[in-house]
């Protein structure tokens, strides 16, 4: 039974998404009321210009000591624009600078168990 469980874990790991985009930023409290965390804003683009973000953040980081977010919902070849705001009960700060990331295509897994049958 332990071997079967290990095999299932390995299959799950192999089958999981390989693509991700890691965002990092810096921040200091400044003079406003204390922040509660950060909102991550995300929008895919089809051209070269980032469109305006919607009114709902893509993700929330509920800590003012974590300055990293890993987006695992990305597709190879897709370009996405990201921004970050600090927030508290009064609302969101101004948007950070905007960055764009294009997820690269990864090489496929090599074939295995090749055999021949000489005659």
PDB file of N, CA and C in Angstrom:
ATOM      1  N   UNK A   1       0.829  -1.195   0.000  1.00  0.00           N
ATOM      2  CA  UNK A   1       0.000   0.000   0.000  1.00  0.00           C
ATOM      3  C   UNK A   1       0.873   1.259   0.000  1.00  0.00           C
ATOM      4  N   UNK A   2       1.977   1.254   0.699  1.00  0.00           N
ATOM      5  CA  UNK A   2       2.838   2.431   0.719  1.00  0.00           C
ATOM      6  C   UNK A   2       3.411   2.719  -0.661  1.00  0.00           C
ATOM      7  N   UNK A   3       3.761   1.701  -1.422  1.00  0.00           N
ATOM      8  CA  UNK A   3       4.283   1.919  -2.770  1.00  0.00           C
ATOM      9  C   UNK A   3       3.225   2.530  -3.662  1.00  0.00           C
ATOM     10  N   UNK A   4       1.996   2.096  -3.562  1.00  0.00           N
ATOM     11  CA  UNK A   4       0.913   2.640  -4.363  1.00  0.00           C
ATOM     12  C   UNK A   4       0.700   4.109  -4.037  1.00  0.00           C
ATOM     13  N   UNK A   5       0.730   4.464  -2.776  1.00  0.00           N
ATOM     14  CA  UNK A   5       0.556   5.848  -2.357  1.00  0.00           C
ATOM     15  C   UNK A   5       1.669   6.714  -2.925  1.00  0.00           C
ATOM     16  N   UNK A   6       2.891   6.273  -2.876  1.00  0.00           N
ATOM     17  CA  UNK A   6       4.021   7.022  -3.418  1.00  0.00           C
ATOM     18  C   UNK A   6       3.862   7.218  -4.912  1.00  0.00           C
ATOM     19  N   UNK A   7       3.429   6.229  -5.618  1.00  0.00           N
ATOM     20  CA  UNK A   7       3.220   6.339  -7.068  1.00  0.00           C
ATOM     21  C   UNK A   7       2.144   7.379  -7.357  1.00  0.00           C
ATOM     22  N   UNK A   8       1.062   7.403  -6.607  1.00  0.00           N
ATOM     23  CA  UNK A   8       0.009   8.384  -6.833  1.00  0.00           C
ATOM     24  C   UNK A   8       0.517   9.795  -6.588  1.00  0.00           C
ATOM     25  N   UNK A   9       1.327   9.994  -5.597  1.00  0.00           N
ATOM     26  CA  UNK A   9       1.891  11.311  -5.330  1.00  0.00           C
ATOM     27  C   UNK A   9       2.789  11.740  -6.476  1.00  0.00           C
ATOM     28  N   UNK A  10       3.614  10.858  -6.990  1.00  0.00           N
ATOM     29  CA  UNK A  10       4.483  11.203  -8.102  1.00  0.00           C
ATOM     30  C   UNK A  10       3.680  11.531  -9.351  1.00  0.00           C
ATOM     31  N   UNK A  11       2.637  10.785  -9.625  1.00  0.00           N
ATOM     32  CA  UNK A  11       1.802  11.064 -10.792  1.00  0.00           C
ATOM     33  C   UNK A  11       1.132  12.424 -10.640  1.00  0.00           C
ATOM     34  N   UNK A  12       0.657  12.730  -9.460  1.00  0.00           N
ATOM     35  CA  UNK A  12       0.039  14.028  -9.218  1.00  0.00           C
ATOM     36  C   UNK A  12       1.050  15.143  -9.421  1.00  0.00           C
ATOM     37  N   UNK A  13       2.265  14.967  -8.953  1.00  0.00           N
ATOM     38  CA  UNK A  13       3.291  15.993  -9.107  1.00  0.00           C
ATOM     39  C   UNK A  13       3.635  16.200 -10.570  1.00  0.00           C
ATOM     40  N   UNK A  14       3.759  15.131 -11.308  1.00  0.00           N
ATOM     41  CA  UNK A  14       4.098  15.239 -12.722  1.00  0.00           C
ATOM     42  C   UNK A  14       2.955  15.886 -13.486  1.00  0.00           C
ATOM     43  N   UNK A  15       1.722  15.582 -13.123  1.00  0.00           N
ATOM     44  CA  UNK A  15       0.573  16.090 -13.858  1.00  0.00           C
ATOM     45  C   UNK A  15       0.245  17.538 -13.513  1.00  0.00           C
ATOM     46  N   UNK A  16       0.786  18.074 -12.428  1.00  0.00           N
ATOM     47  CA  UNK A  16       0.447  19.432 -12.036  1.00  0.00           C
ATOM     48  C   UNK A  16       1.064  20.453 -12.988  1.00  0.00           C
ATOM     49  N   UNK A  17       0.537  21.670 -12.949  1.00  0.00           N
ATOM     50  CA  UNK A  17       0.997  22.731 -13.851  1.00  0.00           C
ATOM     51  C   UNK A  17       2.466  23.046 -13.619  1.00  0.00           C
ATOM     52  N   UNK A  18       3.177  23.216 -14.713  1.00  0.00           N
ATOM     53  CA  UNK A  18       4.594  23.536 -14.623  1.00  0.00           C
ATOM     54  C   UNK A  18       4.843  25.034 -14.752  1.00  0.00           C
ATOM     55  N   UNK A  19       3.879  25.772 -15.250  1.00  0.00           N
ATOM     56  CA  UNK A  19       4.068  27.192 -15.496  1.00  0.00           C
ATOM     57  C   UNK A  19       3.676  28.016 -14.275  1.00  0.00           C
ATOM     58  N   UNK A  20       4.408  29.090 -14.057  1.00  0.00           N
ATOM     59  CA  UNK A  20       4.046  30.039 -13.013  1.00  0.00           C
ATOM     60  C   UNK A  20       4.779  31.351 -13.267  1.00  0.00           C
ATOM     61  N   UNK A  21       4.271  32.399 -12.674  1.00  0.00           N
ATOM     62  CA  UNK A  21       4.920  33.705 -12.701  1.00  0.00           C
ATOM     63  C   UNK A  21       5.035  34.170 -11.262  1.00  0.00           C
ATOM     64  N   UNK A  22       6.242  34.525 -10.846  1.00  0.00           N
ATOM     65  CA  UNK A  22       6.469  35.002  -9.486  1.00  0.00           C
ATOM     66  C   UNK A  22       6.616  36.518  -9.500  1.00  0.00           C
ATOM     67  N   UNK A  23       5.786  37.183  -8.708  1.00  0.00           N
ATOM     68  CA  UNK A  23       5.854  38.634  -8.567  1.00  0.00           C
ATOM     69  C   UNK A  23       6.512  38.969  -7.239  1.00  0.00           C
ATOM     70  N   UNK A  24       7.393  39.947  -7.233  1.00  0.00           N
ATOM     71  CA  UNK A  24       7.990  40.440  -5.989  1.00  0.00           C
ATOM     72  C   UNK A  24       7.940  41.960  -6.012  1.00  0.00           C
ATOM     73  N   UNK A  25       7.827  42.560  -4.836  1.00  0.00           N
ATOM     74  CA  UNK A  25       7.773  44.018  -4.742  1.00  0.00           C
ATOM     75  C   UNK A  25       8.343  44.456  -3.411  1.00  0.00           C
ATOM     76  N   UNK A  26       8.553  45.764  -3.282  1.00  0.00           N
ATOM     77  CA  UNK A  26       8.973  46.353  -2.013  1.00  0.00           C
ATOM     78  C   UNK A  26       7.874  47.311  -1.573  1.00  0.00           C
ATOM     79  N   UNK A  27       7.840  47.597  -0.274  1.00  0.00           N
ATOM     80  CA  UNK A  27       6.799  48.468   0.254  1.00  0.00           C
ATOM     81  C   UNK A  27       7.208  48.930   1.645  1.00  0.00           C
ATOM     82  N   UNK A  28       6.812  50.147   2.005  1.00  0.00           N
ATOM     83  CA  UNK A  28       6.958  50.622   3.386  1.00  0.00           C
ATOM     84  C   UNK A  28       5.664  51.319   3.776  1.00  0.00           C
ATOM     85  N   UNK A  29       5.351  51.320   5.059  1.00  0.00           N
ATOM     86  CA  UNK A  29       4.073  51.822   5.557  1.00  0.00           C
ATOM     87  C   UNK A  29       3.819  53.272   5.153  1.00  0.00           C
ATOM     88  N   UNK A  30       4.772  54.132   5.246  1.00  0.00           N
ATOM     89  CA  UNK A  30       4.552  55.551   4.916  1.00  0.00           C
ATOM     90  C   UNK A  30       3.679  56.230   5.960  1.00  0.00           C
ATOM     91  N   UNK A  31       2.935  57.262   5.538  1.00  0.00           N
ATOM     92  CA  UNK A  31       2.182  58.082   6.498  1.00  0.00           C
ATOM     93  C   UNK A  31       0.701  57.757   6.563  1.00  0.00           C
ATOM     94  N   UNK A  32       0.199  56.880   5.735  1.00  0.00           N
ATOM     95  CA  UNK A  32      -1.227  56.534   5.758  1.00  0.00           C
ATOM     96  C   UNK A  32      -1.570  55.630   6.934  1.00  0.00           C
ATOM     97  N   UNK A  33      -2.845  55.308   7.064  1.00  0.00           N
ATOM     98  CA  UNK A  33      -3.267  54.353   8.087  1.00  0.00           C
ATOM     99  C   UNK A  33      -2.654  52.994   7.778  1.00  0.00           C
ATOM    100  N   UNK A  34      -2.469  52.141   8.791  1.00  0.00           N
ATOM    101  CA  UNK A  34      -1.813  50.848   8.580  1.00  0.00           C
ATOM    102  C   UNK A  34      -2.496  50.007   7.497  1.00  0.00           C
ATOM    103  N   UNK A  35      -1.686  49.426   6.664  1.00  0.00           N
ATOM    104  CA  UNK A  35      -2.198  48.544   5.616  1.00  0.00           C
ATOM    105  C   UNK A  35      -2.506  47.176   6.208  1.00  0.00           C
ATOM    106  N   UNK A  36      -3.418  46.450   5.559  1.00  0.00           N
ATOM    107  CA  UNK A  36      -3.785  45.096   5.985  1.00  0.00           C
ATOM    108  C   UNK A  36      -3.158  44.034   5.099  1.00  0.00           C
ATOM    109  N   UNK A  37      -2.792  44.419   3.884  1.00  0.00           N
ATOM    110  CA  UNK A  37      -2.229  43.454   2.949  1.00  0.00           C
ATOM    111  C   UNK A  37      -2.102  44.059   1.565  1.00  0.00           C
ATOM    112  N   UNK A  38      -2.043  43.187   0.564  1.00  0.00           N
ATOM    113  CA  UNK A  38      -1.844  43.630  -0.813  1.00  0.00           C
ATOM    114  C   UNK A  38      -2.857  42.957  -1.728  1.00  0.00           C
ATOM    115  N   UNK A  39      -3.253  43.685  -2.738  1.00  0.00           N
ATOM    116  CA  UNK A  39      -4.087  43.128  -3.805  1.00  0.00           C
ATOM    117  C   UNK A  39      -3.213  42.971  -5.042  1.00  0.00           C
ATOM    118  N   UNK A  40      -3.322  41.829  -5.687  1.00  0.00           N
ATOM    119  CA  UNK A  40      -2.621  41.566  -6.946  1.00  0.00           C
ATOM    120  C   UNK A  40      -3.638  41.722  -8.058  1.00  0.00           C
ATOM    121  N   UNK A  41      -3.296  42.521  -9.051  1.00  0.00           N
ATOM    122  CA  UNK A  41      -4.160  42.787 -10.190  1.00  0.00           C
ATOM    123  C   UNK A  41      -3.564  42.109 -11.400  1.00  0.00           C
ATOM    124  N   UNK A  42      -4.411  41.480 -12.215  1.00  0.00           N
ATOM    125  CA  UNK A  42      -3.942  40.679 -13.350  1.00  0.00           C
ATOM    126  C   UNK A  42      -4.892  40.848 -14.514  1.00  0.00           C
ATOM    127  N   UNK A  43      -4.335  41.015 -15.713  1.00  0.00           N
ATOM    128  CA  UNK A  43      -5.160  41.049 -16.912  1.00  0.00           C
ATOM    129  C   UNK A  43      -4.326  40.569 -18.098  1.00  0.00           C
ATOM    130  N   UNK A  44      -4.840  39.601 -18.859  1.00  0.00           N
ATOM    131  CA  UNK A  44      -4.114  39.144 -20.049  1.00  0.00           C
ATOM    132  C   UNK A  44      -4.212  40.193 -21.157  1.00  0.00           C
ATOM    133  N   UNK A  45      -3.205  40.234 -22.003  1.00  0.00           N
ATOM    134  CA  UNK A  45      -3.235  41.177 -23.119  1.00  0.00           C
ATOM    135  C   UNK A  45      -3.034  40.421 -24.430  1.00  0.00           C
ATOM    136  N   UNK A  46      -3.527  41.007 -25.498  1.00  0.00           N
ATOM    137  CA  UNK A  46      -3.343  40.385 -26.808  1.00  0.00           C
ATOM    138  C   UNK A  46      -2.426  41.220 -27.688  1.00  0.00           C
ATOM    139  N   UNK A  47      -2.162  42.448 -27.315  1.00  0.00           N
ATOM    140  CA  UNK A  47      -1.265  43.314 -28.081  1.00  0.00           C
ATOM    141  C   UNK A  47      -0.029  43.650 -27.278  1.00  0.00           C
ATOM    142  N   UNK A  48       0.376  44.908 -27.361  1.00  0.00           N
ATOM    143  CA  UNK A  48       1.584  45.326 -26.639  1.00  0.00           C
ATOM    144  C   UNK A  48       1.288  46.292 -25.504  1.00  0.00           C
ATOM    145  N   UNK A  49       0.044  46.709 -25.360  1.00  0.00           N
ATOM    146  CA  UNK A  49      -0.318  47.679 -24.327  1.00  0.00           C
ATOM    147  C   UNK A  49      -1.180  47.016 -23.264  1.00  0.00           C
ATOM    148  N   UNK A  50      -0.850  47.258 -22.015  1.00  0.00           N
ATOM    149  CA  UNK A  50      -1.653  46.707 -20.919  1.00  0.00           C
ATOM    150  C   UNK A  50      -2.951  47.491 -20.805  1.00  0.00           C
ATOM    151  N   UNK A  51      -4.102  46.813 -20.843  1.00  0.00           N
ATOM    152  CA  UNK A  51      -5.381  47.507 -20.670  1.00  0.00           C
ATOM    153  C   UNK A  51      -5.598  47.883 -19.204  1.00  0.00           C
ATOM    154  N   UNK A  52      -6.667  48.601 -18.937  1.00  0.00           N
ATOM    155  CA  UNK A  52      -7.000  48.998 -17.574  1.00  0.00           C
ATOM    156  C   UNK A  52      -7.479  47.780 -16.789  1.00  0.00           C
ATOM    157  N   UNK A  53      -7.025  47.668 -15.541  1.00  0.00           N
ATOM    158  CA  UNK A  53      -7.466  46.569 -14.680  1.00  0.00           C
ATOM    159  C   UNK A  53      -8.935  46.773 -14.318  1.00  0.00           C
ATOM    160  N   UNK A  54      -9.630  45.683 -14.043  1.00  0.00           N
ATOM    161  CA  UNK A  54     -11.019  45.752 -13.626  1.00  0.00           C
ATOM    162  C   UNK A  54     -11.150  46.280 -12.208  1.00  0.00           C
ATOM    163  N   UNK A  55     -12.320  46.137 -11.625  1.00  0.00           N
ATOM    164  CA  UNK A  55     -12.567  46.666 -10.280  1.00  0.00           C
ATOM    165  C   UNK A  55     -12.369  45.624  -9.184  1.00  0.00           C
ATOM    166  N   UNK A  56     -12.073  44.395  -9.556  1.00  0.00           N
ATOM    167  CA  UNK A  56     -11.888  43.330  -8.572  1.00  0.00           C
ATOM    168  C   UNK A  56     -10.471  42.781  -8.678  1.00  0.00           C
ATOM    169  N   UNK A  57      -9.733  42.762  -7.561  1.00  0.00           N
ATOM    170  CA  UNK A  57      -8.377  42.215  -7.631  1.00  0.00           C
ATOM    171  C   UNK A  57      -8.387  40.721  -7.946  1.00  0.00           C
ATOM    172  N   UNK A  58      -7.301  40.269  -8.551  1.00  0.00           N
ATOM    173  CA  UNK A  58      -7.163  38.854  -8.895  1.00  0.00           C
ATOM    174  C   UNK A  58      -6.885  38.018  -7.647  1.00  0.00           C
ATOM    175  N   UNK A  59      -6.048  38.542  -6.756  1.00  0.00           N
ATOM    176  CA  UNK A  59      -5.672  37.788  -5.555  1.00  0.00           C
ATOM    177  C   UNK A  59      -5.409  38.752  -4.409  1.00  0.00           C
ATOM    178  N   UNK A  60      -5.477  38.232  -3.205  1.00  0.00           N
ATOM    179  CA  UNK A  60      -5.206  39.012  -2.001  1.00  0.00           C
ATOM    180  C   UNK A  60      -4.095  38.346  -1.200  1.00  0.00           C
ATOM    181  N   UNK A  61      -3.130  39.143  -0.775  1.00  0.00           N
ATOM    182  CA  UNK A  61      -2.082  38.686   0.142  1.00  0.00           C
ATOM    183  C   UNK A  61      -2.411  39.337   1.475  1.00  0.00           C
ATOM    184  N   UNK A  62      -2.873  38.546   2.446  1.00  0.00           N
ATOM    185  CA  UNK A  62      -3.329  39.087   3.727  1.00  0.00           C
ATOM    186  C   UNK A  62      -2.191  39.219   4.729  1.00  0.00           C
ATOM    187  N   UNK A  63      -1.136  39.891   4.323  1.00  0.00           N
ATOM    188  CA  UNK A  63       0.011  40.125   5.193  1.00  0.00           C
ATOM    189  C   UNK A  63       0.761  41.328   4.653  1.00  0.00           C
ATOM    190  N   UNK A  64       1.296  42.146   5.545  1.00  0.00           N
ATOM    191  CA  UNK A  64       2.117  43.278   5.101  1.00  0.00           C
ATOM    192  C   UNK A  64       3.607  42.950   5.198  1.00  0.00           C
ATOM    193  N   UNK A  65       3.909  41.683   5.461  1.00  0.00           N
ATOM    194  CA  UNK A  65       5.315  41.261   5.513  1.00  0.00           C
ATOM    195  C   UNK A  65       5.672  40.290   4.393  1.00  0.00           C
ATOM    196  N   UNK A  66       4.711  39.951   3.547  1.00  0.00           N
ATOM    197  CA  UNK A  66       4.969  39.074   2.399  1.00  0.00           C
ATOM    198  C   UNK A  66       4.934  39.928   1.146  1.00  0.00           C
ATOM    199  N   UNK A  67       6.046  39.959   0.424  1.00  0.00           N
ATOM    200  CA  UNK A  67       6.169  40.795  -0.769  1.00  0.00           C
ATOM    201  C   UNK A  67       6.358  39.942  -2.022  1.00  0.00           C
ATOM    202  N   UNK A  68       5.712  38.783  -2.046  1.00  0.00           N
ATOM    203  CA  UNK A  68       5.823  37.845  -3.160  1.00  0.00           C
ATOM    204  C   UNK A  68       4.463  37.208  -3.407  1.00  0.00           C
ATOM    205  N   UNK A  69       4.171  36.984  -4.683  1.00  0.00           N
ATOM    206  CA  UNK A  69       2.970  36.240  -5.051  1.00  0.00           C
ATOM    207  C   UNK A  69       3.324  35.353  -6.234  1.00  0.00           C
ATOM    208  N   UNK A  70       2.939  34.089  -6.189  1.00  0.00           N
ATOM    209  CA  UNK A  70       3.188  33.156  -7.288  1.00  0.00           C
ATOM    210  C   UNK A  70       1.862  32.863  -7.976  1.00  0.00           C
ATOM    211  N   UNK A  71       1.773  33.255  -9.232  1.00  0.00           N
ATOM    212  CA  UNK A  71       0.575  32.999 -10.040  1.00  0.00           C
ATOM    213  C   UNK A  71       0.793  31.697 -10.794  1.00  0.00           C
ATOM    214  N   UNK A  72       0.016  30.690 -10.458  1.00  0.00           N
ATOM    215  CA  UNK A  72       0.145  29.388 -11.118  1.00  0.00           C
ATOM    216  C   UNK A  72      -0.927  29.179 -12.183  1.00  0.00           C
ATOM    217  N   UNK A  73      -1.785  30.179 -12.375  1.00  0.00           N
ATOM    218  CA  UNK A  73      -2.829  30.076 -13.389  1.00  0.00           C
ATOM    219  C   UNK A  73      -2.387  30.887 -14.608  1.00  0.00           C
ATOM    220  N   UNK A  74      -1.385  30.346 -15.292  1.00  0.00           N
ATOM    221  CA  UNK A  74      -0.838  30.980 -16.490  1.00  0.00           C
ATOM    222  C   UNK A  74      -0.734  29.933 -17.587  1.00  0.00           C
ATOM    223  N   UNK A  75      -0.732  30.401 -18.821  1.00  0.00           N
ATOM    224  CA  UNK A  75      -0.700  29.520 -19.982  1.00  0.00           C
ATOM    225  C   UNK A  75       0.513  29.860 -20.833  1.00  0.00           C
ATOM    226  N   UNK A  76       1.182  28.857 -21.345  1.00  0.00           N
ATOM    227  CA  UNK A  76       2.343  29.072 -22.204  1.00  0.00           C
ATOM    228  C   UNK A  76       1.989  29.964 -23.379  1.00  0.00           C
ATOM    229  N   UNK A  77       2.824  30.953 -23.640  1.00  0.00           N
ATOM    230  CA  UNK A  77       2.636  31.864 -24.753  1.00  0.00           C
ATOM    231  C   UNK A  77       1.752  33.051 -24.440  1.00  0.00           C
ATOM    232  N   UNK A  78       1.118  33.060 -23.284  1.00  0.00           N
ATOM    233  CA  UNK A  78       0.215  34.150 -22.915  1.00  0.00           C
ATOM    234  C   UNK A  78       0.986  35.274 -22.231  1.00  0.00           C
ATOM    235  N   UNK A  79       0.667  36.519 -22.582  1.00  0.00           N
ATOM    236  CA  UNK A  79       1.258  37.686 -21.924  1.00  0.00           C
ATOM    237  C   UNK A  79       0.233  38.258 -20.957  1.00  0.00           C
ATOM    238  N   UNK A  80       0.671  38.512 -19.741  1.00  0.00           N
ATOM    239  CA  UNK A  80      -0.214  39.002 -18.687  1.00  0.00           C
ATOM    240  C   UNK A  80       0.407  40.236 -18.059  1.00  0.00           C
ATOM    241  N   UNK A  81      -0.429  41.247 -17.773  1.00  0.00           N
ATOM    242  CA  UNK A  81       0.002  42.437 -17.048  1.00  0.00           C
ATOM    243  C   UNK A  81      -0.381  42.287 -15.578  1.00  0.00           C
ATOM    244  N   UNK A  82       0.512  42.742 -14.710  1.00  0.00           N
ATOM    245  CA  UNK A  82       0.284  42.660 -13.270  1.00  0.00           C
ATOM    246  C   UNK A  82       0.535  44.018 -12.619  1.00  0.00           C
ATOM    247  N   UNK A  83      -0.180  44.270 -11.544  1.00  0.00           N
ATOM    248  CA  UNK A  83       0.051  45.418 -10.690  1.00  0.00           C
ATOM    249  C   UNK A  83      -0.279  45.013  -9.269  1.00  0.00           C
ATOM    250  N   UNK A  84       0.187  45.796  -8.297  1.00  0.00           N
ATOM    251  CA  UNK A  84      -0.064  45.500  -6.883  1.00  0.00           C
ATOM    252  C   UNK A  84      -0.495  46.787  -6.187  1.00  0.00           C
ATOM    253  N   UNK A  85      -1.461  46.681  -5.273  1.00  0.00           N
ATOM    254  CA  UNK A  85      -1.850  47.785  -4.404  1.00  0.00           C
ATOM    255  C   UNK A  85      -1.786  47.315  -2.963  1.00  0.00           C
ATOM    256  N   UNK A  86      -1.523  48.236  -2.049  1.00  0.00           N
ATOM    257  CA  UNK A  86      -1.668  47.969  -0.614  1.00  0.00           C
ATOM    258  C   UNK A  86      -3.118  48.334  -0.280  1.00  0.00           C
ATOM    259  N   UNK A  87      -3.702  47.668   0.708  1.00  0.00           N
ATOM    260  CA  UNK A  87      -5.090  47.993   1.058  1.00  0.00           C
ATOM    261  C   UNK A  87      -5.290  47.979   2.566  1.00  0.00           C
ATOM    262  N   UNK A  88      -6.339  48.665   2.992  1.00  0.00           N
ATOM    263  CA  UNK A  88      -6.852  48.603   4.361  1.00  0.00           C
ATOM    264  C   UNK A  88      -8.351  48.854   4.280  1.00  0.00           C
ATOM    265  N   UNK A  89      -9.008  49.066   5.395  1.00  0.00           N
ATOM    266  CA  UNK A  89     -10.459  49.257   5.367  1.00  0.00           C
ATOM    267  C   UNK A  89     -10.869  50.531   4.631  1.00  0.00           C
ATOM    268  N   UNK A  90      -9.941  51.452   4.445  1.00  0.00           N
ATOM    269  CA  UNK A  90     -10.219  52.686   3.714  1.00  0.00           C
ATOM    270  C   UNK A  90     -10.155  52.523   2.206  1.00  0.00           C
ATOM    271  N   UNK A  91      -9.637  51.394   1.738  1.00  0.00           N
ATOM    272  CA  UNK A  91      -9.542  51.163   0.298  1.00  0.00           C
ATOM    273  C   UNK A  91      -8.129  50.777  -0.116  1.00  0.00           C
ATOM    274  N   UNK A  92      -7.872  50.941  -1.412  1.00  0.00           N
ATOM    275  CA  UNK A  92      -6.580  50.563  -1.991  1.00  0.00           C
ATOM    276  C   UNK A  92      -5.704  51.788  -2.213  1.00  0.00           C
ATOM    277  N   UNK A  93      -4.403  51.545  -2.157  1.00  0.00           N
ATOM    278  CA  UNK A  93      -3.434  52.583  -2.497  1.00  0.00           C
ATOM    279  C   UNK A  93      -3.450  52.798  -4.008  1.00  0.00           C
ATOM    280  N   UNK A  94      -2.640  53.718  -4.456  1.00  0.00           N
ATOM    281  CA  UNK A  94      -2.422  53.841  -5.887  1.00  0.00           C
ATOM    282  C   UNK A  94      -1.754  52.564  -6.374  1.00  0.00           C
ATOM    283  N   UNK A  95      -1.915  52.265  -7.635  1.00  0.00           N
ATOM    284  CA  UNK A  95      -1.341  51.067  -8.240  1.00  0.00           C
ATOM    285  C   UNK A  95       0.176  51.196  -8.348  1.00  0.00           C
ATOM    286  N   UNK A  96       0.865  50.097  -8.119  1.00  0.00           N
ATOM    287  CA  UNK A  96       2.313  50.048  -8.327  1.00  0.00           C
ATOM    288  C   UNK A  96       2.611  50.254  -9.809  1.00  0.00           C
ATOM    289  N   UNK A  97       3.877  50.224 -10.157  1.00  0.00           N
ATOM    290  CA  UNK A  97       4.212  50.157 -11.574  1.00  0.00           C
ATOM    291  C   UNK A  97       3.622  48.864 -12.134  1.00  0.00           C
ATOM    292  N   UNK A  98       3.350  48.846 -13.413  1.00  0.00           N
ATOM    293  CA  UNK A  98       2.759  47.676 -14.056  1.00  0.00           C
ATOM    294  C   UNK A  98       3.860  46.916 -14.777  1.00  0.00           C
ATOM    295  N   UNK A  99       3.850  45.609 -14.628  1.00  0.00           N
ATOM    296  CA  UNK A  99       4.805  44.755 -15.336  1.00  0.00           C
ATOM    297  C   UNK A  99       4.033  43.769 -16.198  1.00  0.00           C
ATOM    298  N   UNK A 100       4.681  43.302 -17.257  1.00  0.00           N
ATOM    299  CA  UNK A 100       4.068  42.266 -18.083  1.00  0.00           C
ATOM    300  C   UNK A 100       5.010  41.082 -18.167  1.00  0.00           C
ATOM    301  N   UNK A 101       4.432  39.915 -18.233  1.00  0.00           N
ATOM    302  CA  UNK A 101       5.218  38.680 -18.302  1.00  0.00           C
ATOM    303  C   UNK A 101       4.601  37.769 -19.350  1.00  0.00           C
ATOM    304  N   UNK A 102       5.460  37.189 -20.182  1.00  0.00           N
ATOM    305  CA  UNK A 102       5.017  36.201 -21.157  1.00  0.00           C
ATOM    306  C   UNK A 102       5.519  34.843 -20.712  1.00  0.00           C
ATOM    307  N   UNK A 103       4.608  33.933 -20.485  1.00  0.00           N
ATOM    308  CA  UNK A 103       4.965  32.598 -20.019  1.00  0.00           C
ATOM    309  C   UNK A 103       5.614  31.822 -21.163  1.00  0.00           C
ATOM    310  N   UNK A 104       6.827  31.320 -20.939  1.00  0.00           N
ATOM    311  CA  UNK A 104       7.505  30.592 -22.028  1.00  0.00           C
ATOM    312  C   UNK A 104       6.913  29.201 -22.224  1.00  0.00           C
ATOM    313  N   UNK A 105       7.090  28.685 -23.412  1.00  0.00           N
ATOM    314  CA  UNK A 105       6.729  27.295 -23.683  1.00  0.00           C
ATOM    315  C   UNK A 105       7.831  26.418 -23.110  1.00  0.00           C
ATOM    316  N   UNK A 106       7.472  25.318 -22.492  1.00  0.00           N
ATOM    317  CA  UNK A 106       8.440  24.375 -21.944  1.00  0.00           C
ATOM    318  C   UNK A 106       8.567  23.191 -22.883  1.00  0.00           C
ATOM    319  N   UNK A 107       9.745  22.648 -22.951  1.00  0.00           N
ATOM    320  CA  UNK A 107       9.948  21.455 -23.772  1.00  0.00           C
ATOM    321  C   UNK A 107       9.126  20.304 -23.202  1.00  0.00           C
ATOM    322  N   UNK A 108       8.616  19.447 -24.064  1.00  0.00           N
ATOM    323  CA  UNK A 108       7.848  18.308 -23.553  1.00  0.00           C
ATOM    324  C   UNK A 108       8.759  17.288 -22.880  1.00  0.00           C
ATOM    325  N   UNK A 109       8.166  16.405 -22.135  1.00  0.00           N
ATOM    326  CA  UNK A 109       8.890  15.308 -21.513  1.00  0.00           C
ATOM    327  C   UNK A 109       9.391  14.360 -22.579  1.00  0.00           C
ATOM    328  N   UNK A 110      10.585  13.849 -22.386  1.00  0.00           N
ATOM    329  CA  UNK A 110      11.169  12.935 -23.370  1.00  0.00           C
ATOM    330  C   UNK A 110      10.412  11.607 -23.389  1.00  0.00           C
ATOM    331  N   UNK A 111      10.299  11.011 -24.569  1.00  0.00           N
ATOM    332  CA  UNK A 111       9.723   9.667 -24.628  1.00  0.00           C
ATOM    333  C   UNK A 111      10.599   8.687 -23.856  1.00  0.00           C
ATOM    334  N   UNK A 112      10.013   7.620 -23.390  1.00  0.00           N
ATOM    335  CA  UNK A 112      10.813   6.626 -22.673  1.00  0.00           C
ATOM    336  C   UNK A 112      10.358   5.223 -23.074  1.00  0.00           C
ATOM    337  N   UNK A 113      11.006   4.264 -22.521  1.00  0.00           N
ATOM    338  CA  UNK A 113      10.713   2.840 -22.764  1.00  0.00           C
ATOM    339  C   UNK A 113      10.817   2.484 -24.247  1.00  0.00           C
ATOM    340  N   UNK A 114      11.761   3.108 -24.944  1.00  0.00           N
ATOM    341  CA  UNK A 114      11.971   2.787 -26.359  1.00  0.00           C
ATOM    342  C   UNK A 114      12.562   1.385 -26.451  1.00  0.00           C
ATOM    343  N   UNK A 115      12.063   0.613 -27.384  1.00  0.00           N
ATOM    344  CA  UNK A 115      12.590  -0.717 -27.579  1.00  0.00           C
ATOM    345  C   UNK A 115      12.633  -1.000 -29.072  1.00  0.00           C
ATOM    346  N   UNK A 116      13.343  -2.025 -29.441  1.00  0.00           N
ATOM    347  CA  UNK A 116      13.365  -2.426 -30.847  1.00  0.00           C
ATOM    348  C   UNK A 116      13.054  -3.913 -30.950  1.00  0.00           C
ATOM    349  N   UNK A 117      12.703  -4.334 -32.132  1.00  0.00           N
ATOM    350  CA  UNK A 117      12.395  -5.744 -32.396  1.00  0.00           C
ATOM    351  C   UNK A 117      13.093  -6.157 -33.687  1.00  0.00           C
ATOM    352  N   UNK A 118      14.393  -6.450 -33.602  1.00  0.00           N
ATOM    353  CA  UNK A 118      15.104  -6.866 -34.821  1.00  0.00           C
ATOM    354  C   UNK A 118      14.580  -8.201 -35.333  1.00  0.00           C
ATOM    355  N   UNK A 119      14.553  -8.345 -36.644  1.00  0.00           N
ATOM    356  CA  UNK A 119      14.064  -9.597 -37.244  1.00  0.00           C
ATOM    357  C   UNK A 119      15.092 -10.128 -38.203  1.00  0.00           C
TER     358      UNK A 119
END
